[in-house]
Amino acid sequence: MNTIAELVASEAPRDVILLLTKNENGISYPRLDNLYSRNKWIKVHNNLELLKLVSAMVNEGLIIDTGGGLKKGPNWKEPTFISEKKYTFK
């Protein structure tokens, strides 16, 4: 299993989204949707739930919806698995 598939299967979707929005480029909603779709909607169940989660995270200020993508918001917090160095990213 590759690292991103392992990450999606093992971690909470909220934490995965926080990781994917960590850098200045963020992630587009279609790419995020595709990530969960490829992984059989594990922990999210469908794209409507994913959209609701993204909306809640935007409302909490964790991420920002720029219209072209999702980026780190003013209340963004580093997921625990990053500080624990649980995964190796190349």
Protein backbone atom coordinates (compact mmCIF):
# COMPACT_ATOMS: atom_id res chain seq x y z
CA MET A 1 0.00 0.00 0.00
CA ASN A 2 1.39 3.42 -0.85
CA THR A 3 1.66 6.09 1.80
CA ILE A 4 -1.27 8.25 0.68
CA ALA A 5 -3.63 5.25 0.51
CA GLU A 6 -2.40 4.15 3.94
CA LEU A 7 -2.91 7.67 5.26
CA VAL A 8 -6.48 7.88 3.90
CA ALA A 9 -7.31 4.44 5.32
CA SER A 10 -5.78 5.10 8.75
CA GLU A 11 -6.38 8.74 9.58
CA ALA A 12 -9.46 10.86 10.12
CA PRO A 13 -10.56 12.70 6.95
CA ARG A 14 -10.26 16.02 8.81
CA ASP A 15 -6.57 15.33 9.49
CA VAL A 16 -5.94 14.22 5.91
CA ILE A 17 -7.44 17.48 4.62
CA LEU A 18 -5.31 19.46 7.07
CA LEU A 19 -2.21 17.73 5.72
CA LEU A 20 -3.20 18.33 2.10
CA THR A 21 -3.77 22.03 2.71
CA LYS A 22 -0.51 22.51 4.61
CA ASN A 23 1.50 24.06 1.76
CA GLU A 24 0.62 27.22 -0.14
CA ASN A 25 -0.79 25.33 -3.14
CA GLY A 26 -3.38 23.42 -1.13
CA ILE A 27 -5.60 20.96 -3.01
CA SER A 28 -8.53 21.37 -5.37
CA TYR A 29 -11.86 19.89 -4.35
CA PRO A 30 -11.91 17.61 -7.46
CA ARG A 31 -8.51 16.15 -6.48
CA LEU A 32 -9.66 15.63 -2.89
CA ASP A 33 -12.87 14.02 -4.14
CA ASN A 34 -10.84 11.77 -6.45
CA LEU A 35 -8.53 10.77 -3.60
CA TYR A 36 -11.43 9.46 -1.52
CA SER A 37 -13.22 8.01 -4.53
CA ARG A 38 -10.13 5.96 -5.50
CA ASN A 39 -9.96 4.68 -1.92
CA LYS A 40 -13.59 3.49 -1.97
CA TRP A 41 -14.89 6.39 0.17
CA ILE A 42 -13.27 4.93 3.27
CA LYS A 43 -14.20 6.94 6.41
CA VAL A 44 -16.25 9.46 4.37
CA HIS A 45 -18.84 7.28 2.59
CA ASN A 46 -19.62 9.66 -0.31
CA ASN A 47 -18.85 13.03 -1.84
CA LEU A 48 -21.75 14.75 -0.06
CA GLU A 49 -20.24 13.85 3.33
CA LEU A 50 -16.87 15.08 2.09
CA LEU A 51 -18.43 18.36 0.98
CA LYS A 52 -20.11 18.76 4.40
CA LEU A 53 -16.78 18.13 6.14
CA VAL A 54 -15.01 20.67 3.94
CA SER A 55 -17.77 23.22 4.62
CA ALA A 56 -17.52 22.66 8.39
CA MET A 57 -13.73 23.06 8.25
CA VAL A 58 -14.11 26.31 6.29
CA ASN A 59 -16.60 27.59 8.90
CA GLU A 60 -14.11 26.73 11.67
CA GLY A 61 -11.35 28.62 9.86
CA LEU A 62 -9.20 25.49 9.53
CA ILE A 63 -9.14 25.82 5.75
CA ILE A 64 -10.08 28.43 3.18
CA ASP A 65 -12.05 27.74 0.00
CA THR A 66 -10.45 30.02 -2.58
CA GLY A 67 -12.89 29.05 -5.30
CA GLY A 68 -10.03 27.27 -7.07
CA GLY A 69 -8.94 25.11 -4.20
CA LEU A 70 -8.70 24.50 -0.50
CA LYS A 71 -5.86 26.10 1.43
CA LYS A 72 -4.61 26.47 4.97
CA GLY A 73 -6.86 28.73 7.02
CA PRO A 74 -6.12 31.07 9.94
CA ASN A 75 -7.04 28.40 12.52
CA TRP A 76 -5.18 25.58 10.76
CA LYS A 77 -3.66 23.04 13.17
CA GLU A 78 -1.00 20.47 12.42
CA PRO A 79 -2.36 16.92 12.64
CA THR A 80 -0.74 14.81 15.35
CA PHE A 81 0.58 12.24 12.87
CA ILE A 82 2.79 14.93 11.28
CA SER A 83 4.55 15.86 14.53
CA GLU A 84 4.84 12.16 15.39
CA LYS A 85 6.46 11.57 11.95
CA LYS A 86 4.19 8.56 11.53
CA TYR A 87 4.52 8.57 7.71
CA THR A 88 7.42 9.17 5.33
CA PHE A 89 6.65 11.56 2.50
CA LYS A 90 8.91 11.98 -0.50
